[in-house]
Amino acid sequence: MRPSSKMMLRTLAGLAVTAGLIAGGAGVASAAPVAPTASTSNHFGPGCNPWAQERWNLNGSNEVQAVYQGTTYTYSVTFKQRGSCLTGTLTDSYYPTTGPVVGTVYGNHVTFSFQYPAGSIQGTRSYSGYITPQYYKQWYKQWYWNGYRWVYRWRFRLILKSGSVSGKWWETGSENGSGAFTLASNVRPACPWWYRPNSSCFVF
C-alpha cells in the first residue's frame, strides 16, 4: 500500500526531531544532574615563577595542623608545586568547605592562603612557614696516600633528608583568629640525594 502524504510528513518530522536530539546531545544521560567536584586551582599567585629552581618539593597530600585557642584543628591539603608557585586544594571538614589554595615557595620559606565562602567569619586565612632542613649522616671511606701505601679513613657527609614546616597563620574575617601551624608530614628535597648539597632543582 502506498503511504499517504500525511503519513510521510509525520515520518519525516519524527526523523528530524530525532536527528536534532542526537546532534544537540539531548537524552536521559545528558539530562541527569552532575554532582559538582572540588577542583584544584591552576592559577598561579602573584610574585612566583613556575620555572624557578627551588630547594623543596611540596607536591602531594599533607595535613595542616593549626592551633587556635589551645585546640589543634586538622585540615587535609593537596599541594601542587611548579617552580616557586604553589597551588592545591584544602578541605575544612569543620565548616565544611573545600577550595583552592594559592601560595609561593622561596628557599626555606612557604606561604599559602585559603579563602572561605562569602559571609564566613574566617574570611581569607593565610599561612606563613619556615622549612627546617633535616639531615642524616652518610659514612664513606676516604682513600689517601700516606707516603708508603694507600690507606683509608672513615668520613661522613650530611645528606638532606626532608624538611619540617612550621609557622604562623592569621585570617581577615570577624573571627580575627591567629596562631601557630605545622604540616603533619615533612616535605621532600627538590633534588635527588646524590646531587650537590644545598642546591636547587626544577619542580613540576
C-alpha atoms as a PDB file:
ATOM      1  CA  MET A   1       0.000   0.000   0.000  1.00  0.00           C
ATOM      2  CA  ARG A   2       1.329   3.409  -0.916  1.00  0.00           C
ATOM      3  CA  PRO A   3       1.602   5.636   2.195  1.00  0.00           C
ATOM      4  CA  SER A   4      -0.442   8.807   2.288  1.00  0.00           C
ATOM      5  CA  SER A   5       1.198  12.211   2.114  1.00  0.00           C
ATOM      6  CA  LYS A   6       0.186  12.944   5.760  1.00  0.00           C
ATOM      7  CA  MET A   7       1.895   9.763   6.952  1.00  0.00           C
ATOM      8  CA  MET A   8       5.072  10.637   5.055  1.00  0.00           C
ATOM      9  CA  LEU A   9       5.096  14.123   6.615  1.00  0.00           C
ATOM     10  CA  ARG A  10       4.729  12.657  10.119  1.00  0.00           C
ATOM     11  CA  THR A  11       7.593  10.214   9.457  1.00  0.00           C
ATOM     12  CA  LEU A  12       9.910  12.944   8.151  1.00  0.00           C
ATOM     13  CA  ALA A  13       9.073  15.193  11.107  1.00  0.00           C
ATOM     14  CA  GLY A  14       9.875  12.396  13.549  1.00  0.00           C
ATOM     15  CA  LEU A  15      13.227  11.740  11.890  1.00  0.00           C
ATOM     16  CA  ALA A  16      14.064  15.436  12.024  1.00  0.00           C
ATOM     17  CA  VAL A  17      13.305  15.635  15.755  1.00  0.00           C
ATOM     18  CA  THR A  18      15.396  12.510  16.432  1.00  0.00           C
ATOM     19  CA  ALA A  19      18.341  13.918  14.481  1.00  0.00           C
ATOM     20  CA  GLY A  20      18.077  17.180  16.395  1.00  0.00           C
ATOM     21  CA  LEU A  21      18.168  15.368  19.734  1.00  0.00           C
ATOM     22  CA  ILE A  22      21.255  13.387  18.702  1.00  0.00           C
ATOM     23  CA  ALA A  23      23.058  16.477  17.362  1.00  0.00           C
ATOM     24  CA  GLY A  24      22.221  18.506  20.450  1.00  0.00           C
ATOM     25  CA  GLY A  25      23.310  15.769  22.864  1.00  0.00           C
ATOM     26  CA  ALA A  26      19.880  15.593  24.461  1.00  0.00           C
ATOM     27  CA  GLY A  27      18.720  12.453  26.221  1.00  0.00           C
ATOM     28  CA  VAL A  28      18.370  10.839  29.644  1.00  0.00           C
ATOM     29  CA  ALA A  29      22.103  10.769  30.342  1.00  0.00           C
ATOM     30  CA  SER A  30      22.706  14.399  29.488  1.00  0.00           C
ATOM     31  CA  ALA A  31      19.635  15.499  31.392  1.00  0.00           C
ATOM     32  CA  ALA A  32      20.807  13.838  34.610  1.00  0.00           C
ATOM     33  CA  PRO A  33      22.292  16.270  37.161  1.00  0.00           C
ATOM     34  CA  VAL A  34      26.076  16.268  37.510  1.00  0.00           C
ATOM     35  CA  ALA A  35      27.464  16.458  41.033  1.00  0.00           C
ATOM     36  CA  PRO A  36      29.958  19.324  41.474  1.00  0.00           C
ATOM     37  CA  THR A  37      33.536  18.327  42.208  1.00  0.00           C
ATOM     38  CA  ALA A  38      36.184  20.251  44.061  1.00  0.00           C
ATOM     39  CA  SER A  39      38.851  21.414  41.651  1.00  0.00           C
ATOM     40  CA  THR A  40      42.455  22.321  42.267  1.00  0.00           C
ATOM     41  CA  SER A  41      43.413  25.853  41.328  1.00  0.00           C
ATOM     42  CA  ASN A  42      45.820  26.013  38.393  1.00  0.00           C
ATOM     43  CA  HIS A  43      46.129  29.808  38.619  1.00  0.00           C
ATOM     44  CA  PHE A  44      49.477  30.895  39.981  1.00  0.00           C
ATOM     45  CA  GLY A  45      49.548  33.617  42.572  1.00  0.00           C
ATOM     46  CA  PRO A  46      51.421  36.902  42.143  1.00  0.00           C
ATOM     47  CA  GLY A  47      55.167  37.067  42.537  1.00  0.00           C
ATOM     48  CA  CYS A  48      56.041  33.456  41.720  1.00  0.00           C
ATOM     49  CA  ASN A  49      57.951  31.856  38.864  1.00  0.00           C
ATOM     50  CA  PRO A  50      56.889  28.410  37.576  1.00  0.00           C
ATOM     51  CA  TRP A  51      60.343  27.944  36.026  1.00  0.00           C
ATOM     52  CA  ALA A  52      62.331  28.783  39.157  1.00  0.00           C
ATOM     53  CA  GLN A  53      64.625  26.171  40.660  1.00  0.00           C
ATOM     54  CA  GLU A  54      63.800  25.512  44.286  1.00  0.00           C
ATOM     55  CA  ARG A  55      65.238  23.573  47.200  1.00  0.00           C
ATOM     56  CA  TRP A  56      61.979  21.919  48.321  1.00  0.00           C
ATOM     57  CA  ASN A  57      59.199  19.891  46.740  1.00  0.00           C
ATOM     58  CA  LEU A  58      55.789  20.175  48.461  1.00  0.00           C
ATOM     59  CA  ASN A  59      53.839  18.160  45.873  1.00  0.00           C
ATOM     60  CA  GLY A  60      51.368  15.648  47.297  1.00  0.00           C
ATOM     61  CA  SER A  61      48.914  15.168  50.130  1.00  0.00           C
ATOM     62  CA  ASN A  62      49.510  16.558  53.594  1.00  0.00           C
ATOM     63  CA  GLU A  63      47.674  17.905  56.633  1.00  0.00           C
ATOM     64  CA  VAL A  64      47.681  21.397  58.076  1.00  0.00           C
ATOM     65  CA  GLN A  65      47.589  21.322  61.873  1.00  0.00           C
ATOM     66  CA  ALA A  66      46.531  24.762  63.093  1.00  0.00           C
ATOM     67  CA  VAL A  67      46.381  25.713  66.768  1.00  0.00           C
ATOM     68  CA  TYR A  68      43.623  28.112  67.863  1.00  0.00           C
ATOM     69  CA  GLN A  69      42.979  28.984  71.490  1.00  0.00           C
ATOM     70  CA  GLY A  70      44.768  25.866  72.691  1.00  0.00           C
ATOM     71  CA  THR A  71      42.974  23.440  70.359  1.00  0.00           C
ATOM     72  CA  THR A  72      44.557  21.826  67.281  1.00  0.00           C
ATOM     73  CA  TYR A  73      42.439  21.712  64.124  1.00  0.00           C
ATOM     74  CA  THR A  74      43.479  19.476  61.224  1.00  0.00           C
ATOM     75  CA  TYR A  75      42.768  20.262  57.567  1.00  0.00           C
ATOM     76  CA  SER A  76      43.592  17.975  54.654  1.00  0.00           C
ATOM     77  CA  VAL A  77      45.501  19.619  51.831  1.00  0.00           C
ATOM     78  CA  THR A  78      46.918  18.545  48.483  1.00  0.00           C
ATOM     79  CA  PHE A  79      49.708  20.731  47.146  1.00  0.00           C
ATOM     80  CA  LYS A  80      50.738  21.173  43.528  1.00  0.00           C
ATOM     81  CA  GLN A  81      54.043  22.966  43.133  1.00  0.00           C
ATOM     82  CA  ARG A  82      55.617  24.232  39.939  1.00  0.00           C
ATOM     83  CA  GLY A  83      58.807  26.172  40.466  1.00  0.00           C
ATOM     84  CA  SER A  84      58.145  28.693  43.221  1.00  0.00           C
ATOM     85  CA  CYS A  85      54.378  28.653  42.504  1.00  0.00           C
ATOM     86  CA  LEU A  86      52.217  26.714  44.943  1.00  0.00           C
ATOM     87  CA  THR A  87      48.586  25.758  44.297  1.00  0.00           C
ATOM     88  CA  GLY A  88      46.335  22.971  45.507  1.00  0.00           C
ATOM     89  CA  THR A  89      43.148  22.139  47.383  1.00  0.00           C
ATOM     90  CA  LEU A  90      42.346  22.413  51.099  1.00  0.00           C
ATOM     91  CA  THR A  91      39.374  20.885  52.922  1.00  0.00           C
ATOM     92  CA  ASP A  92      37.996  22.267  56.171  1.00  0.00           C
ATOM     93  CA  SER A  93      35.707  19.492  57.456  1.00  0.00           C
ATOM     94  CA  TYR A  94      34.601  21.637  60.400  1.00  0.00           C
ATOM     95  CA  TYR A  95      32.972  24.307  58.237  1.00  0.00           C
ATOM     96  CA  PRO A  96      32.658  22.247  55.948  1.00  0.00           C
ATOM     97  CA  THR A  97      34.149  23.616  52.722  1.00  0.00           C
ATOM     98  CA  THR A  98      36.716  22.747  50.081  1.00  0.00           C
ATOM     99  CA  GLY A  99      38.561  25.156  47.823  1.00  0.00           C
ATOM    100  CA  PRO A 100      41.827  26.202  46.204  1.00  0.00           C
ATOM    101  CA  VAL A 101      44.986  27.354  47.926  1.00  0.00           C
ATOM    102  CA  VAL A 102      47.492  29.701  46.332  1.00  0.00           C
ATOM    103  CA  GLY A 103      50.994  30.472  47.552  1.00  0.00           C
ATOM    104  CA  THR A 104      54.743  30.500  46.984  1.00  0.00           C
ATOM    105  CA  VAL A 105      57.870  28.572  47.923  1.00  0.00           C
ATOM    106  CA  TYR A 106      61.085  30.558  48.118  1.00  0.00           C
ATOM    107  CA  GLY A 107      64.165  28.958  49.632  1.00  0.00           C
ATOM    108  CA  ASN A 108      63.143  27.745  53.083  1.00  0.00           C
ATOM    109  CA  HIS A 109      60.002  29.876  53.222  1.00  0.00           C
ATOM    110  CA  VAL A 110      56.489  28.792  52.211  1.00  0.00           C
ATOM    111  CA  THR A 111      53.274  30.822  52.170  1.00  0.00           C
ATOM    112  CA  PHE A 112      49.740  29.936  51.091  1.00  0.00           C
ATOM    113  CA  SER A 113      46.211  31.206  51.631  1.00  0.00           C
ATOM    114  CA  PHE A 114      42.694  29.783  51.564  1.00  0.00           C
ATOM    115  CA  GLN A 115      39.521  31.807  51.039  1.00  0.00           C
ATOM    116  CA  TYR A 116      36.383  30.768  52.913  1.00  0.00           C
ATOM    117  CA  PRO A 117      32.913  31.290  51.400  1.00  0.00           C
ATOM    118  CA  ALA A 118      31.486  34.820  51.339  1.00  0.00           C
ATOM    119  CA  GLY A 119      29.994  35.846  54.663  1.00  0.00           C
ATOM    120  CA  SER A 120      32.158  33.486  56.719  1.00  0.00           C
ATOM    121  CA  ILE A 121      33.742  34.649  59.958  1.00  0.00           C
ATOM    122  CA  GLN A 122      37.115  33.333  58.750  1.00  0.00           C
ATOM    123  CA  GLY A 123      37.450  35.397  55.569  1.00  0.00           C
ATOM    124  CA  THR A 124      40.812  34.605  53.977  1.00  0.00           C
ATOM    125  CA  ARG A 125      43.169  32.511  56.081  1.00  0.00           C
ATOM    126  CA  SER A 126      46.892  32.844  55.377  1.00  0.00           C
ATOM    127  CA  TYR A 127      49.803  30.653  56.415  1.00  0.00           C
ATOM    128  CA  SER A 128      53.475  31.613  56.503  1.00  0.00           C
ATOM    129  CA  GLY A 129      56.011  28.973  57.464  1.00  0.00           C
ATOM    130  CA  TYR A 130      59.683  28.082  57.571  1.00  0.00           C
ATOM    131  CA  ILE A 131      61.100  24.787  56.319  1.00  0.00           C
ATOM    132  CA  THR A 132      63.672  23.391  58.743  1.00  0.00           C
ATOM    133  CA  PRO A 133      66.113  21.019  56.996  1.00  0.00           C
ATOM    134  CA  GLN A 134      66.547  17.501  58.414  1.00  0.00           C
ATOM    135  CA  TYR A 135      69.832  15.731  57.645  1.00  0.00           C
ATOM    136  CA  TYR A 136      71.327  12.306  58.121  1.00  0.00           C
ATOM    137  CA  LYS A 137      74.958  11.177  58.159  1.00  0.00           C
ATOM    138  CA  GLN A 138      76.314   9.123  55.296  1.00  0.00           C
ATOM    139  CA  TRP A 139      79.621   7.425  56.100  1.00  0.00           C
ATOM    140  CA  TYR A 140      82.178   6.678  53.407  1.00  0.00           C
ATOM    141  CA  LYS A 141      85.809   5.639  53.009  1.00  0.00           C
ATOM    142  CA  GLN A 142      88.246   8.367  52.025  1.00  0.00           C
ATOM    143  CA  TRP A 143      91.355   6.884  50.460  1.00  0.00           C
ATOM    144  CA  TYR A 144      94.691   8.719  50.562  1.00  0.00           C
ATOM    145  CA  TRP A 145      98.417   8.052  50.085  1.00  0.00           C
ATOM    146  CA  ASN A 146     100.342   8.150  53.365  1.00  0.00           C
ATOM    147  CA  GLY A 147     103.745   8.172  51.683  1.00  0.00           C
ATOM    148  CA  TYR A 148     104.100   4.380  51.691  1.00  0.00           C
ATOM    149  CA  ARG A 149     100.771   2.945  50.607  1.00  0.00           C
ATOM    150  CA  TRP A 150      97.112   3.712  50.044  1.00  0.00           C
ATOM    151  CA  VAL A 151      95.060   3.724  53.219  1.00  0.00           C
ATOM    152  CA  TYR A 152      91.611   4.978  54.087  1.00  0.00           C
ATOM    153  CA  ARG A 153      89.825   6.745  56.862  1.00  0.00           C
ATOM    154  CA  TRP A 154      86.135   6.951  57.612  1.00  0.00           C
ATOM    155  CA  ARG A 155      84.470  10.260  56.903  1.00  0.00           C
ATOM    156  CA  PHE A 156      80.848  11.338  56.757  1.00  0.00           C
ATOM    157  CA  ARG A 157      78.808  13.867  54.849  1.00  0.00           C
ATOM    158  CA  LEU A 158      75.418  15.322  55.681  1.00  0.00           C
ATOM    159  CA  ILE A 159      72.638  14.339  53.272  1.00  0.00           C
ATOM    160  CA  LEU A 160      69.465  16.396  53.134  1.00  0.00           C
ATOM    161  CA  LYS A 161      66.633  14.038  54.037  1.00  0.00           C
ATOM    162  CA  SER A 162      63.486  16.162  54.410  1.00  0.00           C
ATOM    163  CA  GLY A 163      62.162  19.388  55.872  1.00  0.00           C
ATOM    164  CA  SER A 164      59.673  20.093  58.654  1.00  0.00           C
ATOM    165  CA  VAL A 165      57.289  23.006  58.101  1.00  0.00           C
ATOM    166  CA  SER A 166      56.037  25.265  60.890  1.00  0.00           C
ATOM    167  CA  GLY A 167      54.933  28.855  61.207  1.00  0.00           C
ATOM    168  CA  LYS A 168      52.047  31.242  61.861  1.00  0.00           C
ATOM    169  CA  TRP A 169      48.526  31.644  60.471  1.00  0.00           C
ATOM    170  CA  TRP A 170      46.041  34.508  60.587  1.00  0.00           C
ATOM    171  CA  GLU A 171      42.727  35.443  58.967  1.00  0.00           C
ATOM    172  CA  THR A 172      40.860  38.520  57.744  1.00  0.00           C
ATOM    173  CA  GLY A 173      37.327  37.631  58.946  1.00  0.00           C
ATOM    174  CA  SER A 174      35.463  38.847  62.005  1.00  0.00           C
ATOM    175  CA  GLU A 175      36.677  35.816  63.986  1.00  0.00           C
ATOM    176  CA  ASN A 176      40.094  37.507  63.871  1.00  0.00           C
ATOM    177  CA  GLY A 177      41.858  34.229  64.624  1.00  0.00           C
ATOM    178  CA  SER A 178      45.591  33.574  64.583  1.00  0.00           C
ATOM    179  CA  GLY A 179      48.025  31.013  65.898  1.00  0.00           C
ATOM    180  CA  ALA A 180      50.736  28.521  65.049  1.00  0.00           C
ATOM    181  CA  PHE A 181      50.624  25.762  62.445  1.00  0.00           C
ATOM    182  CA  THR A 182      52.649  22.809  61.229  1.00  0.00           C
ATOM    183  CA  LEU A 183      52.457  20.395  58.322  1.00  0.00           C
ATOM    184  CA  ALA A 184      51.940  16.839  59.579  1.00  0.00           C
ATOM    185  CA  SER A 185      54.334  15.293  57.047  1.00  0.00           C
ATOM    186  CA  ASN A 186      57.799  16.543  56.182  1.00  0.00           C
ATOM    187  CA  VAL A 187      58.414  17.857  52.687  1.00  0.00           C
ATOM    188  CA  ARG A 188      60.933  16.390  50.247  1.00  0.00           C
ATOM    189  CA  PRO A 189      64.082  17.937  48.803  1.00  0.00           C
ATOM    190  CA  ALA A 190      63.665  19.077  45.211  1.00  0.00           C
ATOM    191  CA  CYS A 191      66.969  17.470  44.201  1.00  0.00           C
ATOM    192  CA  PRO A 192      67.976  13.777  44.464  1.00  0.00           C
ATOM    193  CA  TRP A 193      70.156  12.796  47.425  1.00  0.00           C
ATOM    194  CA  TRP A 194      73.272  12.366  45.315  1.00  0.00           C
ATOM    195  CA  TYR A 195      73.083  15.928  43.974  1.00  0.00           C
ATOM    196  CA  ARG A 196      75.469  18.548  45.339  1.00  0.00           C
ATOM    197  CA  PRO A 197      74.469  19.845  48.803  1.00  0.00           C
ATOM    198  CA  ASN A 198      72.260  22.918  49.254  1.00  0.00           C
ATOM    199  CA  SER A 199      71.368  23.005  45.584  1.00  0.00           C
ATOM    200  CA  SER A 200      68.107  23.781  43.798  1.00  0.00           C
ATOM    201  CA  CYS A 201      66.274  21.900  41.073  1.00  0.00           C
ATOM    202  CA  PHE A 202      63.220  22.288  38.857  1.00  0.00           C
ATOM    203  CA  VAL A 203      59.940  21.205  40.466  1.00  0.00           C
ATOM    204  CA  PHE A 204      56.968  20.057  38.382  1.00  0.00           C
END
